[in-house]
């Protein structure tokens, strides 16, 4: 059986597991420190989604490279908040979506 070309004669030497503190996921977790990046390279300032619909749209437009990224950030926030959003907050954020469309001339 050892003469068969598909048979593995010698296995790779055993290597004990090394600490994985330098992996990509660990670096990512440590860099965020509890923050959520709403897409893109620039973080959205804290408290952005607590303002008026017009101010939310203005900040997202200034921090995003295009309409798609800005809308993605807003949608990510809404989806991430889920059931924790009150109906008034959800309505305000939906109005912010409309304001964002107007800001980019999509409406």
C-alpha atoms as a PDB file:
ATOM      1  CA  UNK A   1       0.000   0.000   0.000  1.00  0.00           C
ATOM      2  CA  UNK A   2       2.942   2.345   0.634  1.00  0.00           C
ATOM      3  CA  UNK A   3       3.935   2.119  -3.031  1.00  0.00           C
ATOM      4  CA  UNK A   4       0.644   3.652  -4.160  1.00  0.00           C
ATOM      5  CA  UNK A   5       1.323   7.230  -5.453  1.00  0.00           C
ATOM      6  CA  UNK A   6      -1.699   8.694  -3.639  1.00  0.00           C
ATOM      7  CA  UNK A   7      -0.757   7.245  -0.270  1.00  0.00           C
ATOM      8  CA  UNK A   8       0.808   9.674   2.188  1.00  0.00           C
ATOM      9  CA  UNK A   9       3.948   7.990   3.437  1.00  0.00           C
ATOM     10  CA  UNK A  10       4.997  10.515   6.024  1.00  0.00           C
ATOM     11  CA  UNK A  11       2.746  12.961   7.738  1.00  0.00           C
ATOM     12  CA  UNK A  12       3.757  16.495   8.578  1.00  0.00           C
ATOM     13  CA  UNK A  13       5.600  16.842  11.873  1.00  0.00           C
ATOM     14  CA  UNK A  14       3.445  17.680  14.866  1.00  0.00           C
ATOM     15  CA  UNK A  15       3.499  21.339  15.856  1.00  0.00           C
ATOM     16  CA  UNK A  16       1.942  22.406  19.137  1.00  0.00           C
ATOM     17  CA  UNK A  17      -0.562  25.224  18.885  1.00  0.00           C
ATOM     18  CA  UNK A  18       0.912  28.679  19.319  1.00  0.00           C
ATOM     19  CA  UNK A  19      -0.840  31.575  20.999  1.00  0.00           C
ATOM     20  CA  UNK A  20      -3.039  33.288  18.410  1.00  0.00           C
ATOM     21  CA  UNK A  21      -3.030  36.765  19.878  1.00  0.00           C
ATOM     22  CA  UNK A  22      -1.802  38.244  16.609  1.00  0.00           C
ATOM     23  CA  UNK A  23      -4.516  36.906  14.326  1.00  0.00           C
ATOM     24  CA  UNK A  24      -6.634  39.144  12.149  1.00  0.00           C
ATOM     25  CA  UNK A  25      -9.753  38.673  14.254  1.00  0.00           C
ATOM     26  CA  UNK A  26      -7.944  39.580  17.463  1.00  0.00           C
ATOM     27  CA  UNK A  27      -6.456  42.718  15.902  1.00  0.00           C
ATOM     28  CA  UNK A  28      -9.901  43.688  14.624  1.00  0.00           C
ATOM     29  CA  UNK A  29     -11.573  43.135  17.980  1.00  0.00           C
ATOM     30  CA  UNK A  30      -8.888  45.079  19.795  1.00  0.00           C
ATOM     31  CA  UNK A  31      -8.956  47.994  17.347  1.00  0.00           C
ATOM     32  CA  UNK A  32     -12.693  48.527  17.684  1.00  0.00           C
ATOM     33  CA  UNK A  33     -12.915  48.407  21.472  1.00  0.00           C
ATOM     34  CA  UNK A  34     -16.673  47.961  21.391  1.00  0.00           C
ATOM     35  CA  UNK A  35     -17.301  50.338  18.494  1.00  0.00           C
ATOM     36  CA  UNK A  36     -19.179  49.294  15.427  1.00  0.00           C
ATOM     37  CA  UNK A  37     -17.801  50.506  12.117  1.00  0.00           C
ATOM     38  CA  UNK A  38     -20.779  51.344   9.931  1.00  0.00           C
ATOM     39  CA  UNK A  39     -18.924  50.573   6.703  1.00  0.00           C
ATOM     40  CA  UNK A  40     -15.984  52.234   5.016  1.00  0.00           C
ATOM     41  CA  UNK A  41     -12.753  53.373   6.533  1.00  0.00           C
ATOM     42  CA  UNK A  42     -14.051  56.349   8.478  1.00  0.00           C
ATOM     43  CA  UNK A  43     -15.933  55.888  11.701  1.00  0.00           C
ATOM     44  CA  UNK A  44     -19.218  57.665  12.099  1.00  0.00           C
ATOM     45  CA  UNK A  45     -18.992  60.084  15.047  1.00  0.00           C
ATOM     46  CA  UNK A  46     -20.651  58.921  18.231  1.00  0.00           C
ATOM     47  CA  UNK A  47     -24.181  60.257  18.595  1.00  0.00           C
ATOM     48  CA  UNK A  48     -24.694  60.669  14.844  1.00  0.00           C
ATOM     49  CA  UNK A  49     -27.885  58.638  14.809  1.00  0.00           C
ATOM     50  CA  UNK A  50     -29.431  60.552  17.716  1.00  0.00           C
ATOM     51  CA  UNK A  51     -29.830  63.829  15.806  1.00  0.00           C
ATOM     52  CA  UNK A  52     -32.445  65.106  13.421  1.00  0.00           C
ATOM     53  CA  UNK A  53     -32.975  63.374  10.070  1.00  0.00           C
ATOM     54  CA  UNK A  54     -31.322  66.282   8.232  1.00  0.00           C
ATOM     55  CA  UNK A  55     -28.232  66.220  10.468  1.00  0.00           C
ATOM     56  CA  UNK A  56     -27.928  62.428  10.141  1.00  0.00           C
ATOM     57  CA  UNK A  57     -28.059  62.742   6.345  1.00  0.00           C
ATOM     58  CA  UNK A  58     -25.500  65.573   6.342  1.00  0.00           C
ATOM     59  CA  UNK A  59     -23.009  63.689   8.529  1.00  0.00           C
ATOM     60  CA  UNK A  60     -23.386  60.445   6.585  1.00  0.00           C
ATOM     61  CA  UNK A  61     -22.910  62.290   3.296  1.00  0.00           C
ATOM     62  CA  UNK A  62     -19.718  63.938   4.548  1.00  0.00           C
ATOM     63  CA  UNK A  63     -18.297  60.691   5.956  1.00  0.00           C
ATOM     64  CA  UNK A  64     -19.196  58.421   3.019  1.00  0.00           C
ATOM     65  CA  UNK A  65     -17.688  58.157  -0.430  1.00  0.00           C
ATOM     66  CA  UNK A  66     -21.038  57.701  -2.195  1.00  0.00           C
ATOM     67  CA  UNK A  67     -24.774  57.214  -1.751  1.00  0.00           C
ATOM     68  CA  UNK A  68     -24.511  53.440  -1.517  1.00  0.00           C
ATOM     69  CA  UNK A  69     -22.048  53.578   1.358  1.00  0.00           C
ATOM     70  CA  UNK A  70     -24.025  56.234   3.226  1.00  0.00           C
ATOM     71  CA  UNK A  71     -27.279  54.292   2.914  1.00  0.00           C
ATOM     72  CA  UNK A  72     -25.488  51.105   3.914  1.00  0.00           C
ATOM     73  CA  UNK A  73     -24.258  52.749   7.105  1.00  0.00           C
ATOM     74  CA  UNK A  74     -27.732  53.929   8.012  1.00  0.00           C
ATOM     75  CA  UNK A  75     -29.316  50.569   7.197  1.00  0.00           C
ATOM     76  CA  UNK A  76     -26.637  48.741   9.181  1.00  0.00           C
ATOM     77  CA  UNK A  77     -27.395  50.876  12.215  1.00  0.00           C
ATOM     78  CA  UNK A  78     -31.132  50.237  11.910  1.00  0.00           C
ATOM     79  CA  UNK A  79     -30.625  46.486  11.458  1.00  0.00           C
ATOM     80  CA  UNK A  80     -28.080  46.255  14.257  1.00  0.00           C
ATOM     81  CA  UNK A  81     -30.417  48.040  16.676  1.00  0.00           C
ATOM     82  CA  UNK A  82     -33.274  45.702  15.809  1.00  0.00           C
ATOM     83  CA  UNK A  83     -36.006  45.548  18.414  1.00  0.00           C
ATOM     84  CA  UNK A  84     -34.150  47.979  20.677  1.00  0.00           C
ATOM     85  CA  UNK A  85     -35.326  50.918  18.543  1.00  0.00           C
ATOM     86  CA  UNK A  86     -38.452  52.685  19.688  1.00  0.00           C
ATOM     87  CA  UNK A  87     -41.075  53.428  17.067  1.00  0.00           C
ATOM     88  CA  UNK A  88     -40.242  57.146  17.187  1.00  0.00           C
ATOM     89  CA  UNK A  89     -36.529  56.418  16.640  1.00  0.00           C
ATOM     90  CA  UNK A  90     -37.339  54.098  13.771  1.00  0.00           C
ATOM     91  CA  UNK A  91     -39.556  56.755  12.161  1.00  0.00           C
ATOM     92  CA  UNK A  92     -36.806  59.358  12.587  1.00  0.00           C
ATOM     93  CA  UNK A  93     -34.261  57.060  10.941  1.00  0.00           C
ATOM     94  CA  UNK A  94     -36.642  56.287   8.085  1.00  0.00           C
ATOM     95  CA  UNK A  95     -37.006  60.056   7.572  1.00  0.00           C
ATOM     96  CA  UNK A  96     -33.200  60.238   7.577  1.00  0.00           C
ATOM     97  CA  UNK A  97     -33.192  57.744   4.694  1.00  0.00           C
ATOM     98  CA  UNK A  98     -35.462  60.076   2.728  1.00  0.00           C
ATOM     99  CA  UNK A  99     -33.258  63.067   3.616  1.00  0.00           C
ATOM    100  CA  UNK A 100     -30.213  61.104   2.452  1.00  0.00           C
ATOM    101  CA  UNK A 101     -31.894  60.355  -0.869  1.00  0.00           C
ATOM    102  CA  UNK A 102     -32.653  64.067  -1.319  1.00  0.00           C
ATOM    103  CA  UNK A 103     -29.077  64.994  -0.362  1.00  0.00           C
ATOM    104  CA  UNK A 104     -27.735  62.781  -3.141  1.00  0.00           C
ATOM    105  CA  UNK A 105     -30.436  63.816  -5.625  1.00  0.00           C
ATOM    106  CA  UNK A 106     -31.913  60.313  -5.786  1.00  0.00           C
ATOM    107  CA  UNK A 107     -35.496  61.396  -5.129  1.00  0.00           C
END
